[in-house]
Amino acid sequence: MEFLKHTWHWSISGFFIGLVLLLLTYFGKNFGMSSNLRSLCSMTGIGKRVAFFDWNWKSKLWNLVVVLGAMIGGFIATQFLADSSNVAISYETVQQLSEMGIEAPNGKLLPNALFGNAAFSSVKLIFILIFGGFLIGFGSRYAGGCTSGHAISGLSTLQLSSLKAVIGFFIGGLVMAHFILPLIF
């Protein structure tokens, strides 16, 4: 069982993602995570006040199962299958993080300064998280889907709008990482 503690080759997850997409296409479904937020909001009954949420969320119940599976899979992977020796961050990245006052993640994928419990004790970081969440929500609504929906499902079905959205996501990520994040920290 030691093989479970090592990083698996990308082709294994790629194969399973492709298999899931083939099954979804066969059954006439589209994959995307942001549509689940709409389903969750619709479940509360807010559709009586906001027309966008007035729809049959029960028709997307299968997609909520995908979210549950992603949460369970993420928990299993981080709690039982993780090996911090497999996470290698370049020296340049560690230096850049250090210059912004962020300590190196030390074997984790995310630094505690940004994603640990300590982030919730900083008014600045709480504001950044709320504002960032708003921007992500607005962006996924404006783009007609989130990164997973466009990059995985949209590109695999050769949708031009998804290609444009993915290019925009990458440009936005690069601008954020190289220009805006250093200004914030």
N, C-alpha and C. Protein backbone atom coordinates (compact mmCIF):
# COMPACT_ATOMS: atom_id res chain seq x y z
N MET A 1 0.82 -1.20 0.00
CA MET A 1 0.00 0.00 0.00
C MET A 1 0.86 1.26 0.00
N GLU A 2 2.17 1.11 -0.04
CA GLU A 2 3.04 2.28 -0.04
C GLU A 2 2.86 3.12 -1.31
N PHE A 3 2.43 2.48 -2.42
CA PHE A 3 2.24 3.23 -3.66
C PHE A 3 1.16 4.30 -3.51
N LEU A 4 0.26 4.14 -2.55
CA LEU A 4 -0.79 5.13 -2.33
C LEU A 4 -0.23 6.44 -1.78
N LYS A 5 0.92 6.39 -1.13
CA LYS A 5 1.50 7.56 -0.50
C LYS A 5 2.35 8.39 -1.46
N HIS A 6 2.52 7.94 -2.68
CA HIS A 6 3.31 8.68 -3.65
C HIS A 6 2.40 9.35 -4.65
N THR A 7 2.87 10.45 -5.20
CA THR A 7 2.10 11.16 -6.21
C THR A 7 1.85 10.25 -7.40
N TRP A 8 0.61 10.16 -7.79
CA TRP A 8 0.27 9.34 -8.94
C TRP A 8 0.54 10.11 -10.22
N HIS A 9 0.81 9.42 -11.27
CA HIS A 9 1.05 10.04 -12.57
C HIS A 9 -0.24 10.73 -13.03
N TRP A 10 -0.08 11.88 -13.68
CA TRP A 10 -1.23 12.67 -14.12
C TRP A 10 -2.14 11.89 -15.06
N SER A 11 -1.61 10.93 -15.76
CA SER A 11 -2.42 10.20 -16.73
C SER A 11 -3.50 9.34 -16.05
N ILE A 12 -3.27 8.96 -14.80
CA ILE A 12 -4.28 8.16 -14.10
C ILE A 12 -5.53 9.00 -13.85
N SER A 13 -5.35 10.19 -13.27
CA SER A 13 -6.52 11.04 -13.05
C SER A 13 -7.09 11.52 -14.37
N GLY A 14 -6.21 11.79 -15.34
CA GLY A 14 -6.68 12.21 -16.66
C GLY A 14 -7.57 11.16 -17.31
N PHE A 15 -7.17 9.90 -17.16
CA PHE A 15 -7.98 8.81 -17.70
C PHE A 15 -9.37 8.78 -17.07
N PHE A 16 -9.42 8.91 -15.74
CA PHE A 16 -10.71 8.86 -15.05
C PHE A 16 -11.57 10.08 -15.35
N ILE A 17 -10.95 11.26 -15.48
CA ILE A 17 -11.71 12.45 -15.86
C ILE A 17 -12.29 12.26 -17.26
N GLY A 18 -11.47 11.75 -18.17
CA GLY A 18 -11.96 11.47 -19.53
C GLY A 18 -13.09 10.46 -19.55
N LEU A 19 -12.97 9.43 -18.72
CA LEU A 19 -14.02 8.42 -18.63
C LEU A 19 -15.33 9.02 -18.13
N VAL A 20 -15.23 9.85 -17.10
CA VAL A 20 -16.42 10.51 -16.56
C VAL A 20 -17.04 11.41 -17.62
N LEU A 21 -16.21 12.15 -18.36
CA LEU A 21 -16.74 13.03 -19.41
C LEU A 21 -17.42 12.25 -20.52
N LEU A 22 -16.86 11.10 -20.88
CA LEU A 22 -17.52 10.27 -21.88
C LEU A 22 -18.90 9.81 -21.38
N LEU A 23 -18.96 9.40 -20.13
CA LEU A 23 -20.24 8.96 -19.57
C LEU A 23 -21.24 10.12 -19.51
N LEU A 24 -20.78 11.30 -19.09
CA LEU A 24 -21.67 12.46 -19.03
C LEU A 24 -22.17 12.83 -20.43
N THR A 25 -21.29 12.80 -21.41
CA THR A 25 -21.69 13.12 -22.78
C THR A 25 -22.69 12.10 -23.29
N TYR A 26 -22.45 10.85 -22.98
CA TYR A 26 -23.38 9.79 -23.39
C TYR A 26 -24.78 10.02 -22.83
N PHE A 27 -24.84 10.49 -21.57
CA PHE A 27 -26.14 10.72 -20.92
C PHE A 27 -26.66 12.15 -21.13
N GLY A 28 -25.96 12.94 -21.98
CA GLY A 28 -26.42 14.28 -22.30
C GLY A 28 -26.24 15.30 -21.19
N LYS A 29 -25.24 15.12 -20.37
CA LYS A 29 -24.99 16.03 -19.23
C LYS A 29 -23.72 16.83 -19.48
N ASN A 30 -23.63 18.00 -18.84
CA ASN A 30 -22.43 18.83 -18.87
C ASN A 30 -21.87 18.93 -17.47
N PHE A 31 -20.55 18.86 -17.37
CA PHE A 31 -19.88 18.93 -16.07
C PHE A 31 -19.51 20.37 -15.75
N GLY A 32 -19.68 20.74 -14.50
CA GLY A 32 -19.26 22.04 -14.01
C GLY A 32 -19.60 22.16 -12.53
N MET A 33 -18.74 22.79 -11.78
CA MET A 33 -18.98 22.91 -10.34
C MET A 33 -19.81 24.14 -9.97
N SER A 34 -19.65 25.25 -10.70
CA SER A 34 -20.35 26.47 -10.30
C SER A 34 -21.86 26.34 -10.43
N SER A 35 -22.34 25.50 -11.30
CA SER A 35 -23.79 25.32 -11.42
C SER A 35 -24.39 24.73 -10.15
N ASN A 36 -23.55 24.09 -9.35
CA ASN A 36 -24.04 23.55 -8.08
C ASN A 36 -24.39 24.65 -7.09
N LEU A 37 -23.70 25.78 -7.18
CA LEU A 37 -24.05 26.90 -6.30
C LEU A 37 -25.45 27.39 -6.61
N ARG A 38 -25.78 27.43 -7.88
CA ARG A 38 -27.13 27.82 -8.28
C ARG A 38 -28.14 26.81 -7.74
N SER A 39 -27.82 25.53 -7.82
CA SER A 39 -28.72 24.49 -7.30
C SER A 39 -28.91 24.65 -5.80
N LEU A 40 -27.82 24.87 -5.08
CA LEU A 40 -27.91 25.02 -3.63
C LEU A 40 -28.75 26.23 -3.25
N CYS A 41 -28.58 27.33 -3.96
CA CYS A 41 -29.39 28.52 -3.69
C CYS A 41 -30.85 28.26 -4.02
N SER A 42 -31.12 27.56 -5.13
CA SER A 42 -32.49 27.24 -5.51
C SER A 42 -33.18 26.37 -4.47
N MET A 43 -32.41 25.50 -3.84
CA MET A 43 -32.97 24.60 -2.82
C MET A 43 -33.52 25.38 -1.63
N THR A 44 -32.99 26.58 -1.38
CA THR A 44 -33.45 27.38 -0.24
C THR A 44 -34.78 28.05 -0.49
N GLY A 45 -35.23 28.09 -1.76
CA GLY A 45 -36.48 28.75 -2.09
C GLY A 45 -36.32 30.21 -2.49
N ILE A 46 -35.10 30.66 -2.63
CA ILE A 46 -34.85 32.05 -3.00
C ILE A 46 -35.35 32.37 -4.41
N GLY A 47 -35.66 31.34 -5.17
CA GLY A 47 -36.18 31.54 -6.52
C GLY A 47 -37.49 32.31 -6.55
N LYS A 48 -38.20 32.36 -5.41
CA LYS A 48 -39.44 33.13 -5.33
C LYS A 48 -39.16 34.64 -5.37
N ARG A 49 -37.92 35.01 -5.05
CA ARG A 49 -37.55 36.43 -5.03
C ARG A 49 -36.58 36.81 -6.14
N VAL A 50 -35.75 35.87 -6.56
CA VAL A 50 -34.74 36.14 -7.59
C VAL A 50 -34.97 35.15 -8.74
N ALA A 51 -35.29 35.71 -9.90
CA ALA A 51 -35.67 34.87 -11.05
C ALA A 51 -34.56 33.91 -11.47
N PHE A 52 -33.30 34.32 -11.32
CA PHE A 52 -32.19 33.46 -11.74
C PHE A 52 -32.21 32.12 -11.00
N PHE A 53 -32.67 32.11 -9.76
CA PHE A 53 -32.67 30.88 -8.96
C PHE A 53 -34.00 30.12 -9.04
N ASP A 54 -34.92 30.59 -9.87
CA ASP A 54 -36.21 29.93 -10.02
C ASP A 54 -36.11 28.90 -11.15
N TRP A 55 -35.68 27.72 -10.79
CA TRP A 55 -35.53 26.66 -11.77
C TRP A 55 -35.60 25.32 -11.06
N ASN A 56 -35.68 24.26 -11.82
CA ASN A 56 -35.83 22.90 -11.27
C ASN A 56 -34.47 22.35 -10.86
N TRP A 57 -34.10 22.60 -9.61
CA TRP A 57 -32.80 22.14 -9.13
C TRP A 57 -32.74 20.62 -9.03
N LYS A 58 -33.89 19.97 -8.92
CA LYS A 58 -33.89 18.51 -8.81
C LYS A 58 -33.36 17.85 -10.08
N SER A 59 -33.44 18.55 -11.21
CA SER A 59 -32.92 17.99 -12.45
C SER A 59 -31.39 17.95 -12.45
N LYS A 60 -30.76 18.68 -11.55
CA LYS A 60 -29.30 18.71 -11.44
C LYS A 60 -28.80 18.00 -10.18
N LEU A 61 -29.64 17.18 -9.59
CA LEU A 61 -29.26 16.46 -8.38
C LEU A 61 -28.03 15.60 -8.59
N TRP A 62 -27.87 15.04 -9.78
CA TRP A 62 -26.71 14.21 -10.09
C TRP A 62 -25.42 15.01 -9.93
N ASN A 63 -25.45 16.31 -10.26
CA ASN A 63 -24.25 17.14 -10.17
C ASN A 63 -23.88 17.42 -8.71
N LEU A 64 -24.88 17.47 -7.84
CA LEU A 64 -24.58 17.62 -6.41
C LEU A 64 -23.86 16.38 -5.87
N VAL A 65 -24.16 15.23 -6.43
CA VAL A 65 -23.45 14.00 -6.06
C VAL A 65 -21.99 14.10 -6.49
N VAL A 66 -21.73 14.75 -7.62
CA VAL A 66 -20.35 14.97 -8.07
C VAL A 66 -19.60 15.82 -7.06
N VAL A 67 -20.24 16.87 -6.55
CA VAL A 67 -19.62 17.73 -5.53
C VAL A 67 -19.33 16.93 -4.27
N LEU A 68 -20.28 16.14 -3.84
CA LEU A 68 -20.08 15.32 -2.65
C LEU A 68 -18.91 14.36 -2.86
N GLY A 69 -18.84 13.76 -4.03
CA GLY A 69 -17.72 12.86 -4.35
C GLY A 69 -16.39 13.59 -4.35
N ALA A 70 -16.37 14.82 -4.88
CA ALA A 70 -15.14 15.61 -4.88
C ALA A 70 -14.70 15.95 -3.46
N MET A 71 -15.66 16.25 -2.60
CA MET A 71 -15.33 16.56 -1.21
C MET A 71 -14.80 15.33 -0.48
N ILE A 72 -15.46 14.21 -0.67
CA ILE A 72 -15.01 12.97 -0.02
C ILE A 72 -13.66 12.55 -0.57
N GLY A 73 -13.49 12.62 -1.89
CA GLY A 73 -12.21 12.27 -2.51
C GLY A 73 -11.08 13.18 -2.04
N GLY A 74 -11.37 14.47 -1.93
CA GLY A 74 -10.36 15.42 -1.44
C GLY A 74 -9.97 15.12 0.00
N PHE A 75 -10.96 14.78 0.83
CA PHE A 75 -10.67 14.43 2.22
C PHE A 75 -9.80 13.18 2.31
N ILE A 76 -10.17 12.16 1.57
CA ILE A 76 -9.39 10.91 1.58
C ILE A 76 -7.98 11.17 1.10
N ALA A 77 -7.84 11.95 0.02
CA ALA A 77 -6.51 12.22 -0.54
C ALA A 77 -5.63 12.98 0.45
N THR A 78 -6.19 13.99 1.12
CA THR A 78 -5.36 14.79 2.03
C THR A 78 -5.10 14.08 3.36
N GLN A 79 -6.03 13.29 3.82
CA GLN A 79 -5.87 12.66 5.13
C GLN A 79 -5.12 11.33 5.09
N PHE A 80 -5.27 10.58 4.01
CA PHE A 80 -4.72 9.23 3.98
C PHE A 80 -3.70 8.98 2.87
N LEU A 81 -3.72 9.78 1.82
CA LEU A 81 -2.86 9.50 0.68
C LEU A 81 -1.80 10.57 0.44
N ALA A 82 -1.68 11.53 1.33
CA ALA A 82 -0.76 12.64 1.11
C ALA A 82 0.64 12.31 1.60
N ASP A 83 1.62 12.81 0.86
CA ASP A 83 3.02 12.66 1.23
C ASP A 83 3.70 13.99 0.94
N SER A 84 4.07 14.70 1.99
CA SER A 84 4.62 16.05 1.82
C SER A 84 5.96 16.06 1.09
N SER A 85 6.65 14.94 1.02
CA SER A 85 7.93 14.92 0.32
C SER A 85 7.75 15.01 -1.20
N ASN A 86 6.51 14.82 -1.66
CA ASN A 86 6.25 14.88 -3.10
C ASN A 86 6.00 16.29 -3.61
N VAL A 87 5.83 17.26 -2.72
CA VAL A 87 5.54 18.62 -3.13
C VAL A 87 6.86 19.38 -3.23
N ALA A 88 7.21 19.74 -4.44
CA ALA A 88 8.46 20.45 -4.67
C ALA A 88 8.15 21.81 -5.28
N ILE A 89 8.53 22.86 -4.56
CA ILE A 89 8.32 24.23 -5.04
C ILE A 89 9.68 24.80 -5.40
N SER A 90 9.72 25.49 -6.51
CA SER A 90 11.00 26.02 -6.98
C SER A 90 11.55 27.05 -5.99
N TYR A 91 12.86 27.16 -6.00
CA TYR A 91 13.54 28.11 -5.12
C TYR A 91 13.07 29.54 -5.38
N GLU A 92 12.85 29.88 -6.65
CA GLU A 92 12.40 31.22 -7.01
C GLU A 92 11.03 31.52 -6.42
N THR A 93 10.13 30.55 -6.44
CA THR A 93 8.80 30.74 -5.87
C THR A 93 8.89 30.94 -4.37
N VAL A 94 9.71 30.14 -3.69
CA VAL A 94 9.89 30.29 -2.25
C VAL A 94 10.43 31.68 -1.93
N GLN A 95 11.37 32.16 -2.74
CA GLN A 95 11.93 33.50 -2.54
C GLN A 95 10.86 34.57 -2.73
N GLN A 96 10.05 34.44 -3.78
CA GLN A 96 8.99 35.42 -4.02
C GLN A 96 7.98 35.43 -2.88
N LEU A 97 7.61 34.26 -2.39
CA LEU A 97 6.69 34.19 -1.25
C LEU A 97 7.31 34.85 -0.03
N SER A 98 8.58 34.60 0.20
CA SER A 98 9.29 35.18 1.34
C SER A 98 9.30 36.70 1.26
N GLU A 99 9.50 37.25 0.07
CA GLU A 99 9.50 38.70 -0.11
C GLU A 99 8.14 39.31 0.20
N MET A 100 7.07 38.53 0.03
CA MET A 100 5.72 39.02 0.34
C MET A 100 5.34 38.73 1.79
N GLY A 101 6.25 38.14 2.56
CA GLY A 101 5.96 37.83 3.95
C GLY A 101 5.19 36.54 4.15
N ILE A 102 5.24 35.66 3.17
CA ILE A 102 4.53 34.39 3.23
C ILE A 102 5.57 33.28 3.33
N GLU A 103 5.47 32.49 4.39
CA GLU A 103 6.44 31.41 4.55
C GLU A 103 6.15 30.29 3.57
N ALA A 104 7.17 29.55 3.22
CA ALA A 104 7.04 28.44 2.28
C ALA A 104 6.08 27.40 2.84
N PRO A 105 5.29 26.76 1.97
CA PRO A 105 4.31 25.78 2.44
C PRO A 105 4.90 24.54 3.10
N ASN A 106 6.21 24.30 2.94
CA ASN A 106 6.88 23.16 3.56
C ASN A 106 6.16 21.84 3.33
N GLY A 107 6.06 21.47 2.09
CA GLY A 107 5.48 20.17 1.75
C GLY A 107 3.99 20.19 1.52
N LYS A 108 3.33 21.31 1.77
CA LYS A 108 1.90 21.41 1.51
C LYS A 108 1.70 22.15 0.20
N LEU A 109 0.53 22.01 -0.37
CA LEU A 109 0.24 22.71 -1.61
C LEU A 109 -0.08 24.17 -1.38
N LEU A 110 -0.59 24.52 -0.20
CA LEU A 110 -1.02 25.87 0.09
C LEU A 110 -0.34 26.39 1.35
N PRO A 111 0.12 27.64 1.35
CA PRO A 111 0.75 28.19 2.55
C PRO A 111 -0.27 28.50 3.64
N ASN A 112 0.09 28.21 4.88
CA ASN A 112 -0.81 28.47 6.00
C ASN A 112 -1.16 29.94 6.15
N ALA A 113 -0.25 30.83 5.77
CA ALA A 113 -0.51 32.26 5.90
C ALA A 113 -1.74 32.69 5.11
N LEU A 114 -1.99 32.01 4.02
CA LEU A 114 -3.14 32.36 3.18
C LEU A 114 -4.33 31.44 3.37
N PHE A 115 -4.09 30.19 3.68
CA PHE A 115 -5.16 29.21 3.70
C PHE A 115 -5.30 28.45 5.01
N GLY A 116 -4.56 28.84 6.03
CA GLY A 116 -4.68 28.20 7.34
C GLY A 116 -5.68 28.93 8.21
N ASN A 117 -5.89 28.45 9.40
CA ASN A 117 -6.83 29.09 10.34
C ASN A 117 -6.40 30.50 10.73
N ALA A 118 -5.10 30.76 10.65
CA ALA A 118 -4.60 32.10 11.01
C ALA A 118 -5.14 33.16 10.06
N ALA A 119 -5.50 32.79 8.86
CA ALA A 119 -6.02 33.76 7.88
C ALA A 119 -7.31 34.40 8.39
N PHE A 120 -8.06 33.68 9.21
CA PHE A 120 -9.34 34.20 9.70
C PHE A 120 -9.18 35.18 10.86
N SER A 121 -7.98 35.37 11.32
CA SER A 121 -7.75 36.34 12.39
C SER A 121 -7.28 37.68 11.82
N SER A 122 -7.12 37.77 10.53
CA SER A 122 -6.67 38.99 9.87
C SER A 122 -7.84 39.60 9.10
N VAL A 123 -8.20 40.83 9.43
CA VAL A 123 -9.28 41.52 8.74
C VAL A 123 -8.94 41.68 7.26
N LYS A 124 -7.69 41.96 6.98
CA LYS A 124 -7.24 42.13 5.59
C LYS A 124 -7.45 40.84 4.79
N LEU A 125 -7.05 39.69 5.35
CA LEU A 125 -7.21 38.43 4.63
C LEU A 125 -8.68 38.03 4.50
N ILE A 126 -9.48 38.31 5.52
CA ILE A 126 -10.91 38.01 5.42
C ILE A 126 -11.53 38.83 4.30
N PHE A 127 -11.18 40.12 4.22
CA PHE A 127 -11.68 40.97 3.14
C PHE A 127 -11.23 40.43 1.78
N ILE A 128 -9.98 40.03 1.68
CA ILE A 128 -9.46 39.49 0.41
C ILE A 128 -10.23 38.23 0.03
N LEU A 129 -10.50 37.35 1.00
CA LEU A 129 -11.24 36.12 0.71
C LEU A 129 -12.67 36.42 0.24
N ILE A 130 -13.33 37.36 0.92
CA ILE A 130 -14.71 37.71 0.55
C ILE A 130 -14.74 38.37 -0.82
N PHE A 131 -13.86 39.34 -1.04
CA PHE A 131 -13.81 40.04 -2.33
C PHE A 131 -13.42 39.07 -3.45
N GLY A 132 -12.45 38.21 -3.18
CA GLY A 132 -12.05 37.21 -4.18
C GLY A 132 -13.18 36.25 -4.49
N GLY A 133 -13.92 35.83 -3.47
CA GLY A 133 -15.07 34.96 -3.70
C GLY A 133 -16.13 35.63 -4.55
N PHE A 134 -16.36 36.93 -4.28
CA PHE A 134 -17.31 37.68 -5.10
C PHE A 134 -16.84 37.73 -6.55
N LEU A 135 -15.56 38.02 -6.76
CA LEU A 135 -15.03 38.09 -8.12
C LEU A 135 -15.13 36.74 -8.84
N ILE A 136 -14.86 35.67 -8.12
CA ILE A 136 -14.96 34.33 -8.72
C ILE A 136 -16.42 34.04 -9.10
N GLY A 137 -17.34 34.35 -8.19
CA GLY A 137 -18.76 34.14 -8.49
C GLY A 137 -19.23 34.97 -9.67
N PHE A 138 -18.86 36.24 -9.68
CA PHE A 138 -19.23 37.12 -10.79
C PHE A 138 -18.60 36.62 -12.09
N GLY A 139 -17.33 36.28 -12.03
CA GLY A 139 -16.63 35.83 -13.24
C GLY A 139 -17.21 34.55 -13.80
N SER A 140 -17.53 33.60 -12.94
CA SER A 140 -18.07 32.34 -13.45
C SER A 140 -19.47 32.54 -14.02
N ARG A 141 -20.22 33.45 -13.44
CA ARG A 141 -21.55 33.75 -13.99
C ARG A 141 -21.42 34.48 -15.33
N TYR A 142 -20.51 35.44 -15.39
CA TYR A 142 -20.31 36.22 -16.61
C TYR A 142 -19.77 35.34 -17.74
N ALA A 143 -18.90 34.41 -17.40
CA ALA A 143 -18.31 33.52 -18.41
C ALA A 143 -19.21 32.34 -18.75
N GLY A 144 -20.33 32.20 -18.04
CA GLY A 144 -21.23 31.09 -18.33
C GLY A 144 -20.73 29.77 -17.79
N GLY A 145 -19.89 29.81 -16.77
CA GLY A 145 -19.38 28.59 -16.16
C GLY A 145 -18.05 28.83 -15.48
N CYS A 146 -17.61 27.85 -14.74
CA CYS A 146 -16.37 27.97 -13.98
C CYS A 146 -15.21 27.34 -14.74
N THR A 147 -14.05 27.37 -14.13
CA THR A 147 -12.86 26.83 -14.78
C THR A 147 -13.01 25.35 -15.08
N SER A 148 -13.57 24.59 -14.16
CA SER A 148 -13.70 23.15 -14.40
C SER A 148 -14.70 22.87 -15.51
N GLY A 149 -15.79 23.60 -15.55
CA GLY A 149 -16.78 23.38 -16.60
C GLY A 149 -16.24 23.71 -17.98
N HIS A 150 -15.59 24.88 -18.09
CA HIS A 150 -15.06 25.28 -19.39
C HIS A 150 -13.83 24.47 -19.78
N ALA A 151 -12.88 24.34 -18.85
CA ALA A 151 -11.60 23.70 -19.20
C ALA A 151 -11.73 22.20 -19.39
N ILE A 152 -12.59 21.57 -18.65
CA ILE A 152 -12.71 20.11 -18.77
C ILE A 152 -13.83 19.73 -19.73
N SER A 153 -15.02 20.19 -19.45
CA SER A 153 -16.16 19.78 -20.26
C SER A 153 -16.25 20.56 -21.57
N GLY A 154 -16.10 21.88 -21.49
CA GLY A 154 -16.24 22.71 -22.69
C GLY A 154 -15.17 22.46 -23.73
N LEU A 155 -13.91 22.38 -23.29
CA LEU A 155 -12.84 22.14 -24.25
C LEU A 155 -12.91 20.74 -24.84
N SER A 156 -13.34 19.78 -24.04
CA SER A 156 -13.40 18.41 -24.57
C SER A 156 -14.50 18.26 -25.62
N THR A 157 -15.49 19.16 -25.60
CA THR A 157 -16.54 19.12 -26.62
C THR A 157 -16.32 20.21 -27.68
N LEU A 158 -15.09 20.78 -27.70
CA LEU A 158 -14.64 21.72 -28.72
C LEU A 158 -15.51 22.98 -28.83
N GLN A 159 -15.89 23.55 -27.68
CA GLN A 159 -16.69 24.77 -27.67
C GLN A 159 -15.77 25.98 -27.71
N LEU A 160 -15.96 26.84 -28.69
CA LEU A 160 -15.13 28.03 -28.85
C LEU A 160 -15.27 28.98 -27.65
N SER A 161 -16.47 29.10 -27.12
CA SER A 161 -16.67 29.98 -25.96
C SER A 161 -15.86 29.48 -24.76
N SER A 162 -15.71 28.19 -24.62
CA SER A 162 -14.90 27.64 -23.53
C SER A 162 -13.43 27.92 -23.74
N LEU A 163 -12.98 27.85 -24.98
CA LEU A 163 -11.58 28.18 -25.28
C LEU A 163 -11.30 29.64 -24.91
N LYS A 164 -12.19 30.53 -25.27
CA LYS A 164 -12.04 31.94 -24.93
C LYS A 164 -12.04 32.14 -23.41
N ALA A 165 -12.95 31.45 -22.73
CA ALA A 165 -13.03 31.58 -21.27
C ALA A 165 -11.76 31.06 -20.60
N VAL A 166 -11.24 29.92 -21.05
CA VAL A 166 -10.02 29.35 -20.47
C VAL A 166 -8.83 30.26 -20.71
N ILE A 167 -8.73 30.85 -21.88
CA ILE A 167 -7.65 31.81 -22.14
C ILE A 167 -7.77 32.99 -21.18
N GLY A 168 -9.00 33.46 -20.99
CA GLY A 168 -9.23 34.55 -20.03
C GLY A 168 -8.88 34.16 -18.61
N PHE A 169 -9.21 32.93 -18.21
CA PHE A 169 -8.87 32.46 -16.86
C PHE A 169 -7.35 32.47 -16.66
N PHE A 170 -6.63 31.97 -17.65
CA PHE A 170 -5.17 31.92 -17.53
C PHE A 170 -4.56 33.32 -17.49
N ILE A 171 -5.04 34.20 -18.35
CA ILE A 171 -4.53 35.57 -18.34
C ILE A 171 -4.82 36.22 -16.98
N GLY A 172 -6.03 36.05 -16.48
CA GLY A 172 -6.39 36.60 -15.17
C GLY A 172 -5.53 36.03 -14.06
N GLY A 173 -5.26 34.74 -14.10
CA GLY A 173 -4.41 34.12 -13.08
C GLY A 173 -2.99 34.64 -13.13
N LEU A 174 -2.46 34.80 -14.33
CA LEU A 174 -1.10 35.33 -14.47
C LEU A 174 -1.01 36.78 -13.98
N VAL A 175 -1.99 37.59 -14.33
CA VAL A 175 -2.01 38.98 -13.88
C VAL A 175 -2.09 39.03 -12.35
N MET A 176 -2.95 38.20 -11.79
CA MET A 176 -3.09 38.17 -10.34
C MET A 176 -1.80 37.74 -9.66
N ALA A 177 -1.21 36.65 -10.12
CA ALA A 177 -0.01 36.11 -9.48
C ALA A 177 1.20 37.02 -9.61
N HIS A 178 1.34 37.66 -10.76
CA HIS A 178 2.57 38.42 -11.01
C HIS A 178 2.46 39.92 -10.71
N PHE A 179 1.25 40.47 -10.73
CA PHE A 179 1.12 41.91 -10.58
C PHE A 179 0.29 42.33 -9.36
N ILE A 180 -0.87 41.70 -9.16
CA ILE A 180 -1.78 42.15 -8.10
C ILE A 180 -1.39 41.57 -6.74
N LEU A 181 -1.09 40.28 -6.67
CA LEU A 181 -0.72 39.66 -5.39
C LEU A 181 0.48 40.33 -4.73
N PRO A 182 1.54 40.66 -5.47
CA PRO A 182 2.65 41.37 -4.83
C PRO A 182 2.24 42.75 -4.27
N LEU A 183 1.26 43.39 -4.89
CA LEU A 183 0.80 44.68 -4.38
C LEU A 183 -0.01 44.53 -3.08
N ILE A 184 -0.73 43.44 -2.99
CA ILE A 184 -1.56 43.18 -1.80
C ILE A 184 -0.67 42.87 -0.60
N PHE A 185 0.37 42.08 -0.84
CA PHE A 185 1.24 41.67 0.26
C PHE A 185 2.51 42.47 0.18
